[in-house]
């Protein structure tokens, strides 16, 4: 009987509430609005257009979308506190279950804010204008402003 109670106590103390109820990792879906975009997590390729991966709660992750001829875009996966961790207060006042297990060992006291990401690289769809074209565009804008001013003054 003492062995059974000791075993039960050891199992209870060596697992935190957040890690029991929500686990130590989360499955994440990452996709792009463009099918030919390469998706990376911490510089590791996970798919083209979309991908599914598992994020460990103890780790930090950066998601990157890149495409040839475009500027790569990166976002960090943010985390918040998992309130389930506080249930450890009822087991051992949180000394082992919260501070050691959920916090230090597994990182389960934090959860990812989102499990689905949509990310696209920055692609310029308009060709770059030459300096002559830019000057011509500015002159047209100034001419429109002058014509508008003259119309307003005629009405007054």
N, C-alpha and C. Protein backbone atom coordinates (compact mmCIF):
# COMPACT_ATOMS: atom_id res chain seq x y z
N UNK A 1 0.82 -1.19 0.00
CA UNK A 1 0.00 0.00 0.00
C UNK A 1 0.87 1.26 0.00
N UNK A 2 1.95 1.24 0.78
CA UNK A 2 2.85 2.39 0.83
C UNK A 2 3.49 2.64 -0.53
N UNK A 3 3.83 1.56 -1.23
CA UNK A 3 4.45 1.70 -2.54
C UNK A 3 3.47 2.35 -3.52
N UNK A 4 2.21 1.95 -3.46
CA UNK A 4 1.19 2.51 -4.36
C UNK A 4 1.01 4.00 -4.10
N UNK A 5 0.95 4.38 -2.83
CA UNK A 5 0.80 5.79 -2.47
C UNK A 5 2.03 6.59 -2.89
N UNK A 6 3.20 6.01 -2.69
CA UNK A 6 4.45 6.68 -3.09
C UNK A 6 4.52 6.86 -4.60
N UNK A 7 4.10 5.83 -5.33
CA UNK A 7 4.10 5.90 -6.79
C UNK A 7 3.11 6.96 -7.28
N UNK A 8 1.93 6.99 -6.69
CA UNK A 8 0.92 7.98 -7.06
C UNK A 8 1.41 9.40 -6.74
N UNK A 9 2.04 9.57 -5.60
CA UNK A 9 2.57 10.88 -5.22
C UNK A 9 3.69 11.31 -6.17
N UNK A 10 4.55 10.39 -6.56
CA UNK A 10 5.64 10.72 -7.48
C UNK A 10 5.10 11.12 -8.85
N UNK A 11 4.11 10.39 -9.35
CA UNK A 11 3.52 10.72 -10.66
C UNK A 11 2.86 12.09 -10.60
N UNK A 12 2.15 12.36 -9.51
CA UNK A 12 1.46 13.64 -9.36
C UNK A 12 2.46 14.79 -9.29
N UNK A 13 3.52 14.61 -8.54
CA UNK A 13 4.49 15.69 -8.36
C UNK A 13 5.38 15.90 -9.59
N UNK A 14 5.54 14.87 -10.41
CA UNK A 14 6.43 14.99 -11.56
C UNK A 14 5.71 15.42 -12.84
N UNK A 15 4.44 15.78 -12.72
CA UNK A 15 3.72 16.29 -13.89
C UNK A 15 2.94 17.52 -13.47
N UNK A 16 3.00 18.55 -14.29
CA UNK A 16 2.28 19.78 -14.01
C UNK A 16 0.92 19.76 -14.66
N UNK A 17 0.02 20.57 -14.15
CA UNK A 17 -1.36 20.58 -14.65
C UNK A 17 -1.43 21.03 -16.11
N UNK A 18 -0.68 22.03 -16.48
CA UNK A 18 -0.72 22.50 -17.87
C UNK A 18 -0.19 21.43 -18.82
N UNK A 19 0.85 20.71 -18.40
CA UNK A 19 1.37 19.66 -19.27
C UNK A 19 0.43 18.45 -19.32
N UNK A 20 -0.33 18.21 -18.25
CA UNK A 20 -1.30 17.10 -18.26
C UNK A 20 -2.48 17.44 -19.16
N UNK A 21 -3.07 18.63 -18.98
CA UNK A 21 -4.29 18.99 -19.70
C UNK A 21 -4.07 19.46 -21.13
N UNK A 22 -3.00 20.22 -21.37
CA UNK A 22 -2.79 20.80 -22.70
C UNK A 22 -1.53 20.32 -23.41
N UNK A 23 -0.75 19.49 -22.78
CA UNK A 23 0.44 18.94 -23.42
C UNK A 23 1.61 19.92 -23.43
N UNK A 24 2.71 19.47 -23.98
CA UNK A 24 3.92 20.28 -24.02
C UNK A 24 4.22 20.79 -25.43
N UNK A 25 3.30 20.54 -26.37
CA UNK A 25 3.48 21.02 -27.74
C UNK A 25 2.12 21.32 -28.36
N UNK A 26 2.14 22.08 -29.45
CA UNK A 26 0.92 22.41 -30.17
C UNK A 26 1.15 22.22 -31.66
N UNK A 27 0.15 21.68 -32.35
CA UNK A 27 0.22 21.53 -33.80
C UNK A 27 -0.14 22.87 -34.43
N UNK A 28 0.62 23.28 -35.44
CA UNK A 28 0.45 24.59 -36.07
C UNK A 28 0.33 24.42 -37.58
N UNK A 29 -0.63 25.15 -38.17
CA UNK A 29 -0.84 25.15 -39.61
C UNK A 29 -0.36 26.48 -40.15
N UNK A 30 0.48 26.44 -41.18
CA UNK A 30 1.02 27.65 -41.80
C UNK A 30 0.70 27.59 -43.28
N UNK A 31 0.16 28.70 -43.81
CA UNK A 31 -0.15 28.72 -45.24
C UNK A 31 0.09 30.11 -45.80
N UNK A 32 0.14 30.16 -47.11
CA UNK A 32 0.32 31.40 -47.85
C UNK A 32 -0.83 31.54 -48.84
N UNK A 33 -1.15 32.76 -49.21
CA UNK A 33 -2.18 33.00 -50.22
C UNK A 33 -1.68 32.69 -51.62
N UNK A 34 -0.38 32.51 -51.75
CA UNK A 34 0.23 32.19 -53.04
C UNK A 34 0.78 30.76 -52.98
N UNK A 35 0.45 29.92 -53.94
CA UNK A 35 0.85 28.51 -53.86
C UNK A 35 2.34 28.24 -54.05
N UNK A 36 3.09 29.17 -54.63
CA UNK A 36 4.51 28.92 -54.91
C UNK A 36 5.45 29.59 -53.91
N UNK A 37 4.99 29.83 -52.70
CA UNK A 37 5.79 30.45 -51.65
C UNK A 37 6.42 29.36 -50.79
N UNK A 38 7.72 29.49 -50.50
CA UNK A 38 8.41 28.55 -49.63
C UNK A 38 8.23 29.01 -48.19
N UNK A 39 7.81 28.08 -47.31
CA UNK A 39 7.57 28.39 -45.91
C UNK A 39 8.64 27.73 -45.04
N UNK A 40 9.16 28.51 -44.09
CA UNK A 40 10.22 28.04 -43.20
C UNK A 40 9.84 28.33 -41.76
N UNK A 41 10.25 27.44 -40.86
CA UNK A 41 10.15 27.67 -39.42
C UNK A 41 11.55 27.53 -38.86
N UNK A 42 12.04 28.62 -38.27
CA UNK A 42 13.43 28.66 -37.76
C UNK A 42 14.42 28.19 -38.83
N UNK A 43 14.22 28.68 -40.04
CA UNK A 43 15.07 28.41 -41.20
C UNK A 43 15.01 26.97 -41.72
N UNK A 44 14.08 26.16 -41.21
CA UNK A 44 13.90 24.80 -41.70
C UNK A 44 12.67 24.78 -42.61
N UNK A 45 12.85 24.27 -43.83
CA UNK A 45 11.77 24.24 -44.81
C UNK A 45 10.65 23.31 -44.33
N UNK A 46 9.39 23.81 -44.37
CA UNK A 46 8.27 22.97 -43.95
C UNK A 46 7.26 22.73 -45.07
N UNK A 47 7.34 23.50 -46.15
CA UNK A 47 6.40 23.25 -47.24
C UNK A 47 6.35 24.38 -48.23
N UNK A 48 5.69 24.11 -49.35
CA UNK A 48 5.49 25.12 -50.40
C UNK A 48 3.98 25.40 -50.47
N UNK A 49 3.61 26.64 -50.14
CA UNK A 49 2.21 27.05 -50.15
C UNK A 49 1.51 26.82 -48.83
N UNK A 50 1.75 25.66 -48.21
CA UNK A 50 1.20 25.38 -46.89
C UNK A 50 1.98 24.27 -46.22
N UNK A 51 1.83 24.19 -44.91
CA UNK A 51 2.53 23.15 -44.16
C UNK A 51 1.98 23.02 -42.76
N UNK A 52 2.21 21.88 -42.16
CA UNK A 52 1.79 21.60 -40.79
C UNK A 52 3.02 21.16 -40.02
N UNK A 53 3.17 21.70 -38.82
CA UNK A 53 4.31 21.33 -37.99
C UNK A 53 3.90 21.35 -36.53
N UNK A 54 4.78 20.92 -35.66
CA UNK A 54 4.52 20.90 -34.22
C UNK A 54 5.48 21.85 -33.54
N UNK A 55 4.94 22.76 -32.74
CA UNK A 55 5.74 23.70 -31.96
C UNK A 55 5.80 23.20 -30.52
N UNK A 56 7.01 23.06 -29.99
CA UNK A 56 7.18 22.74 -28.57
C UNK A 56 7.03 24.04 -27.78
N UNK A 57 6.29 23.99 -26.70
CA UNK A 57 5.99 25.20 -25.93
C UNK A 57 7.23 25.82 -25.30
N UNK A 58 8.25 25.03 -25.11
CA UNK A 58 9.48 25.54 -24.49
C UNK A 58 10.34 26.33 -25.48
N UNK A 59 10.13 26.14 -26.78
CA UNK A 59 10.95 26.76 -27.82
C UNK A 59 10.35 28.06 -28.33
N UNK A 60 11.16 28.87 -28.99
CA UNK A 60 10.72 30.10 -29.67
C UNK A 60 10.78 29.82 -31.17
N UNK A 61 9.82 30.36 -31.93
CA UNK A 61 9.75 30.07 -33.36
C UNK A 61 9.57 31.34 -34.18
N UNK A 62 10.23 31.36 -35.35
CA UNK A 62 10.08 32.43 -36.33
C UNK A 62 9.64 31.79 -37.64
N UNK A 63 8.53 32.28 -38.20
CA UNK A 63 7.97 31.74 -39.44
C UNK A 63 8.34 32.70 -40.57
N UNK A 64 8.85 32.16 -41.68
CA UNK A 64 9.29 32.99 -42.79
C UNK A 64 8.66 32.48 -44.09
N UNK A 65 8.20 33.43 -44.90
CA UNK A 65 7.69 33.11 -46.24
C UNK A 65 8.60 33.79 -47.25
N UNK A 66 9.08 33.04 -48.23
CA UNK A 66 9.96 33.63 -49.24
C UNK A 66 9.60 33.11 -50.63
N UNK A 67 9.89 33.97 -51.60
CA UNK A 67 9.61 33.65 -52.99
C UNK A 67 10.64 34.39 -53.83
N UNK A 68 11.09 33.78 -54.90
CA UNK A 68 12.09 34.40 -55.74
C UNK A 68 11.55 35.71 -56.32
N UNK A 69 12.34 36.77 -56.22
CA UNK A 69 11.93 38.07 -56.72
C UNK A 69 11.11 38.88 -55.73
N UNK A 70 10.90 38.36 -54.53
CA UNK A 70 10.11 39.05 -53.50
C UNK A 70 10.95 39.23 -52.24
N UNK A 71 10.49 40.13 -51.37
CA UNK A 71 11.15 40.35 -50.09
C UNK A 71 10.56 39.36 -49.08
N UNK A 72 11.40 38.52 -48.43
CA UNK A 72 10.87 37.56 -47.45
C UNK A 72 10.20 38.28 -46.28
N UNK A 73 9.15 37.66 -45.74
CA UNK A 73 8.44 38.18 -44.58
C UNK A 73 8.59 37.19 -43.44
N UNK A 74 8.85 37.70 -42.24
CA UNK A 74 9.00 36.84 -41.06
C UNK A 74 8.10 37.33 -39.94
N UNK A 75 7.54 36.40 -39.19
CA UNK A 75 6.77 36.73 -38.00
C UNK A 75 7.16 35.76 -36.89
N UNK A 76 7.05 36.23 -35.65
CA UNK A 76 7.34 35.38 -34.49
C UNK A 76 6.04 34.80 -33.97
N UNK A 77 6.09 33.58 -33.50
CA UNK A 77 4.94 32.95 -32.88
C UNK A 77 4.92 33.39 -31.42
N UNK A 78 3.90 34.16 -31.04
CA UNK A 78 3.83 34.70 -29.68
C UNK A 78 3.12 33.73 -28.74
N UNK A 79 3.40 33.88 -27.44
CA UNK A 79 2.85 33.00 -26.42
C UNK A 79 2.24 33.82 -25.30
N UNK A 80 1.29 33.20 -24.58
CA UNK A 80 0.72 33.79 -23.38
C UNK A 80 0.70 32.74 -22.27
N UNK A 81 0.42 33.21 -21.06
CA UNK A 81 0.38 32.32 -19.89
C UNK A 81 -0.84 31.40 -19.98
N UNK A 82 -0.66 30.12 -19.67
CA UNK A 82 -1.74 29.15 -19.64
C UNK A 82 -2.24 29.03 -18.19
N UNK A 83 -3.45 29.51 -17.96
CA UNK A 83 -4.00 29.57 -16.61
C UNK A 83 -4.19 28.19 -15.98
N UNK A 84 -4.23 27.14 -16.78
CA UNK A 84 -4.36 25.78 -16.24
C UNK A 84 -3.19 25.45 -15.31
N UNK A 85 -2.08 26.12 -15.52
CA UNK A 85 -0.90 25.91 -14.69
C UNK A 85 -1.21 26.15 -13.22
N UNK A 86 -2.10 27.08 -12.94
CA UNK A 86 -2.40 27.46 -11.55
C UNK A 86 -3.07 26.34 -10.76
N UNK A 87 -3.59 25.32 -11.42
CA UNK A 87 -4.16 24.19 -10.70
C UNK A 87 -3.11 23.46 -9.87
N UNK A 88 -1.85 23.65 -10.22
CA UNK A 88 -0.77 23.05 -9.45
C UNK A 88 -0.70 23.57 -8.02
N UNK A 89 -1.35 24.68 -7.74
CA UNK A 89 -1.40 25.22 -6.38
C UNK A 89 -2.11 24.23 -5.44
N UNK A 90 -3.06 23.45 -5.98
CA UNK A 90 -3.81 22.50 -5.15
C UNK A 90 -3.03 21.22 -4.90
N UNK A 91 -2.00 20.95 -5.70
CA UNK A 91 -1.25 19.71 -5.54
C UNK A 91 -0.11 19.88 -4.53
N UNK A 92 0.76 20.82 -4.78
CA UNK A 92 1.92 21.00 -3.90
C UNK A 92 2.24 22.48 -3.70
N UNK A 93 1.21 23.31 -3.71
CA UNK A 93 1.35 24.77 -3.62
C UNK A 93 2.15 25.33 -4.79
N UNK A 94 2.27 24.56 -5.84
CA UNK A 94 2.92 25.02 -7.05
C UNK A 94 4.43 24.97 -7.03
N UNK A 95 5.02 24.51 -5.97
CA UNK A 95 6.48 24.53 -5.86
C UNK A 95 7.12 23.63 -6.91
N UNK A 96 6.65 22.40 -7.03
CA UNK A 96 7.22 21.48 -8.00
C UNK A 96 6.44 21.55 -9.32
N UNK A 97 5.11 21.44 -9.25
CA UNK A 97 4.30 21.34 -10.47
C UNK A 97 4.36 22.59 -11.34
N UNK A 98 4.35 23.77 -10.73
CA UNK A 98 4.37 25.00 -11.52
C UNK A 98 5.79 25.43 -11.85
N UNK A 99 6.59 25.65 -10.82
CA UNK A 99 7.93 26.21 -11.04
C UNK A 99 8.87 25.26 -11.77
N UNK A 100 8.87 24.00 -11.37
CA UNK A 100 9.83 23.07 -11.95
C UNK A 100 9.29 22.41 -13.22
N UNK A 101 8.14 21.74 -13.12
CA UNK A 101 7.65 20.93 -14.24
C UNK A 101 7.11 21.81 -15.36
N UNK A 102 6.03 22.58 -15.08
CA UNK A 102 5.41 23.39 -16.14
C UNK A 102 6.30 24.53 -16.60
N UNK A 103 7.09 25.09 -15.72
CA UNK A 103 7.93 26.23 -16.10
C UNK A 103 9.26 25.84 -16.69
N UNK A 104 10.09 25.22 -15.91
CA UNK A 104 11.46 24.96 -16.32
C UNK A 104 11.61 23.76 -17.26
N UNK A 105 11.03 22.65 -16.91
CA UNK A 105 11.26 21.42 -17.66
C UNK A 105 10.50 21.38 -18.99
N UNK A 106 9.19 21.64 -18.97
CA UNK A 106 8.38 21.47 -20.19
C UNK A 106 8.00 22.77 -20.88
N UNK A 107 8.00 23.87 -20.17
CA UNK A 107 7.57 25.15 -20.75
C UNK A 107 6.06 25.20 -20.98
N UNK A 108 5.32 24.26 -20.38
CA UNK A 108 3.88 24.15 -20.63
C UNK A 108 3.07 25.28 -19.98
N UNK A 109 3.70 26.11 -19.17
CA UNK A 109 2.92 27.19 -18.55
C UNK A 109 2.64 28.32 -19.53
N UNK A 110 3.15 28.19 -20.73
CA UNK A 110 2.84 29.15 -21.80
C UNK A 110 2.24 28.39 -22.97
N UNK A 111 1.33 29.05 -23.68
CA UNK A 111 0.72 28.44 -24.86
C UNK A 111 0.82 29.43 -26.01
N UNK A 112 0.84 28.92 -27.23
CA UNK A 112 0.92 29.78 -28.41
C UNK A 112 -0.42 30.48 -28.62
N UNK A 113 -0.36 31.77 -28.94
CA UNK A 113 -1.57 32.57 -29.11
C UNK A 113 -2.42 32.09 -30.28
N UNK A 114 -1.78 31.61 -31.31
CA UNK A 114 -2.53 31.11 -32.46
C UNK A 114 -1.88 29.86 -32.99
N UNK A 115 -2.70 29.02 -33.61
CA UNK A 115 -2.20 27.77 -34.17
C UNK A 115 -2.40 27.72 -35.68
N UNK A 116 -2.78 28.84 -36.26
CA UNK A 116 -2.95 28.94 -37.71
C UNK A 116 -2.37 30.28 -38.16
N UNK A 117 -1.44 30.22 -39.10
CA UNK A 117 -0.77 31.43 -39.59
C UNK A 117 -0.95 31.55 -41.09
N UNK A 118 -1.20 32.78 -41.56
CA UNK A 118 -1.21 33.08 -42.99
C UNK A 118 -0.14 34.14 -43.20
N UNK A 119 0.83 33.82 -44.04
CA UNK A 119 1.97 34.72 -44.24
C UNK A 119 2.33 34.74 -45.72
N UNK A 120 2.59 35.93 -46.23
CA UNK A 120 2.96 36.12 -47.64
C UNK A 120 4.21 36.99 -47.72
N UNK A 121 5.10 36.72 -48.69
CA UNK A 121 6.24 37.61 -48.90
C UNK A 121 5.75 38.91 -49.54
N UNK A 122 6.57 39.95 -49.48
CA UNK A 122 6.22 41.24 -50.07
C UNK A 122 6.69 41.25 -51.51
N UNK A 123 5.73 41.17 -52.42
CA UNK A 123 6.04 41.18 -53.84
C UNK A 123 5.52 42.47 -54.45
N UNK A 124 6.37 43.17 -55.18
CA UNK A 124 5.98 44.40 -55.85
C UNK A 124 5.40 44.03 -57.20
N UNK A 125 4.11 44.30 -57.40
CA UNK A 125 3.45 43.90 -58.64
C UNK A 125 3.57 44.96 -59.72
N UNK A 126 3.97 46.17 -59.36
CA UNK A 126 4.12 47.22 -60.36
C UNK A 126 5.60 47.37 -60.68
N UNK A 127 5.95 47.50 -61.94
CA UNK A 127 7.36 47.68 -62.28
C UNK A 127 7.85 49.05 -61.79
N UNK A 128 9.10 49.10 -61.46
CA UNK A 128 9.68 50.36 -60.96
C UNK A 128 9.68 51.40 -62.08
N UNK A 129 9.24 52.61 -61.73
CA UNK A 129 9.19 53.70 -62.71
C UNK A 129 10.57 54.32 -62.85
N UNK A 130 10.89 54.71 -64.08
CA UNK A 130 12.18 55.37 -64.32
C UNK A 130 12.08 56.80 -63.78
N UNK A 131 13.21 57.48 -63.56
CA UNK A 131 13.18 58.86 -63.07
C UNK A 131 12.39 59.79 -64.00
N UNK A 132 12.46 59.57 -65.30
CA UNK A 132 11.72 60.41 -66.24
C UNK A 132 10.21 60.20 -66.07
N UNK A 133 9.80 58.94 -65.86
CA UNK A 133 8.38 58.65 -65.64
C UNK A 133 7.90 59.25 -64.32
N UNK A 134 8.73 59.22 -63.29
CA UNK A 134 8.36 59.82 -62.01
C UNK A 134 8.19 61.33 -62.15
N UNK A 135 9.08 61.99 -62.88
CA UNK A 135 8.99 63.44 -63.10
C UNK A 135 7.73 63.79 -63.88
N UNK A 136 7.42 63.02 -64.89
CA UNK A 136 6.22 63.24 -65.68
C UNK A 136 4.97 63.08 -64.82
N UNK A 137 4.95 62.08 -63.96
CA UNK A 137 3.81 61.86 -63.07
C UNK A 137 3.63 63.04 -62.12
N UNK A 138 4.73 63.58 -61.57
CA UNK A 138 4.66 64.74 -60.67
C UNK A 138 4.15 65.97 -61.40
N UNK A 139 4.60 66.15 -62.63
CA UNK A 139 4.14 67.31 -63.42
C UNK A 139 2.64 67.22 -63.69
N UNK A 140 2.15 66.04 -63.98
CA UNK A 140 0.71 65.85 -64.20
C UNK A 140 -0.09 66.15 -62.94
N UNK A 141 0.44 65.73 -61.79
CA UNK A 141 -0.25 66.00 -60.53
C UNK A 141 -0.29 67.50 -60.24
N UNK A 142 0.81 68.20 -60.50
CA UNK A 142 0.84 69.65 -60.29
C UNK A 142 -0.13 70.36 -61.23
N UNK A 143 -0.19 69.92 -62.48
CA UNK A 143 -1.10 70.51 -63.45
C UNK A 143 -2.55 70.32 -63.03
N UNK A 144 -2.89 69.17 -62.50
CA UNK A 144 -4.25 68.91 -62.01
C UNK A 144 -4.58 69.85 -60.86
N UNK A 145 -3.63 70.06 -59.95
CA UNK A 145 -3.85 70.96 -58.82
C UNK A 145 -4.08 72.39 -59.30
N UNK A 146 -3.28 72.85 -60.29
CA UNK A 146 -3.43 74.22 -60.82
C UNK A 146 -4.78 74.38 -61.50
N UNK A 147 -5.19 73.39 -62.27
CA UNK A 147 -6.49 73.45 -62.94
C UNK A 147 -7.63 73.48 -61.92
N UNK A 148 -7.49 72.72 -60.85
CA UNK A 148 -8.50 72.70 -59.82
C UNK A 148 -8.58 74.06 -59.12
N UNK A 149 -7.42 74.65 -58.83
CA UNK A 149 -7.40 75.97 -58.19
C UNK A 149 -8.04 77.04 -59.09
N UNK A 150 -7.73 76.99 -60.36
CA UNK A 150 -8.29 77.99 -61.27
C UNK A 150 -9.82 77.84 -61.39
N UNK A 151 -10.31 76.63 -61.38
CA UNK A 151 -11.76 76.38 -61.43
C UNK A 151 -12.44 76.92 -60.18
N UNK A 152 -11.82 76.71 -59.03
CA UNK A 152 -12.37 77.19 -57.77
C UNK A 152 -12.39 78.72 -57.76
N UNK A 153 -11.32 79.35 -58.22
CA UNK A 153 -11.25 80.82 -58.22
C UNK A 153 -12.26 81.41 -59.20
N UNK A 154 -12.54 80.77 -60.31
CA UNK A 154 -13.53 81.26 -61.26
C UNK A 154 -14.94 81.24 -60.66
N UNK A 155 -15.24 80.26 -59.84
CA UNK A 155 -16.56 80.16 -59.23
C UNK A 155 -16.74 81.20 -58.16
N UNK A 156 -15.68 81.67 -57.55
CA UNK A 156 -15.78 82.69 -56.51
C UNK A 156 -15.95 84.01 -57.15
